Structures are given as C-alpha cells and as structure tokens.
Amino acid sequence: MDSTFNSILNQRFTSGLSNLVSPSTVEERNAFGSIVEE
C-alpha cells in the first residue's frame, strides 16, 4: 500500500478515534463512520 495514503489514513483514524471519545459534533461522528464503512 502507498505509504502516503497509509499515513493519511492513520491521521484520519487517529482523529476519528478522538472524535469518538469526545465528539464535538454529530456530523464529525457520522463523517468518521462513513470513512470506516468505505
């Protein structure tokens, strides 16, 4: 897998976990959920 794509994915995943722990908005939680489903 491309390392650049991998690092972006890791950043999104990390920020997504932070949002799950302390979501500032429902939209952020839904956005993270759609990323995981894709």
Foldseek 3Di string as FASTA:
>chain_A
DDPVVVVVVVVLVVVLVVCVVPNPDVVSVVVSVVVVVD
